[in-house]
Amino acid sequence: MAKDVVLSVMALDRVGIVAGLTGAIVDLGGNIDAMSQTVMRGYFTIIMTVHFDQDVTADAVIAEVKRRGRGGELEVSVKERRVLQPGPVVAQGQRFILTIVGPDRKGVMNRVTSHLASRNINIEDLYAWAEGAGFQLIAQLQVPQELDVERLQMDVGSLWPPGEMKVSLQHENVFLATNEVEFRHKPS
């Protein structure tokens, strides 16, 4: 019986972790459907969806992945994946790219994400970092069609004192055309 899982791993970064993980999947007879990996402040993180033609237990996957690590270095989580019908979380939505640049302040992430959630906006991809006194965020959003995007950009900007944060919200096609960046998700 076939099985689909979501696998996530965290560890201190070092060379070769991805090679070890992908080798473990191959040795278990699996195929990686999708993968997202990053290193954040010295910590390696990865999440992937994997399809196995045979029924493989979560314990077997965890054991094989950990065997590829160095003495307990890998924190591994495996969940059985429900294969969902394709389609966006936000029906009748469009992809937009939100960028925010300004001074770092406590609660900035919560303020932005809470505002987006209150408008039924799904965050599909997000990267944010603070360095020194500065803060930057870039997020790929699924925005309901009925929302006025210009109003939304002004509302996000108004979460802080005037002029404190530079906020930009662009349709994904405009952002990609002007920034030469490819996102993992294909346009709907």
Foldseek 3Di string as FASTA:
>chain_A
DKFKKKKKKKFQDDPDLVVQLVVLQVVQQKDWPDKDWDADPRMTMMITMIMHPDDDDQVSSVVSSVVSDDDPGMDMDMDTDDDDDDDDPAPQWFKKKKKKKAFDDPCLVVLLVVLCVVQVKDWPDKDKDHDDGMIMIITIITHHPPDDVVVVQVVSCVSDPPPRMDMDMGGPVVCCVVPVDDDPDDTD
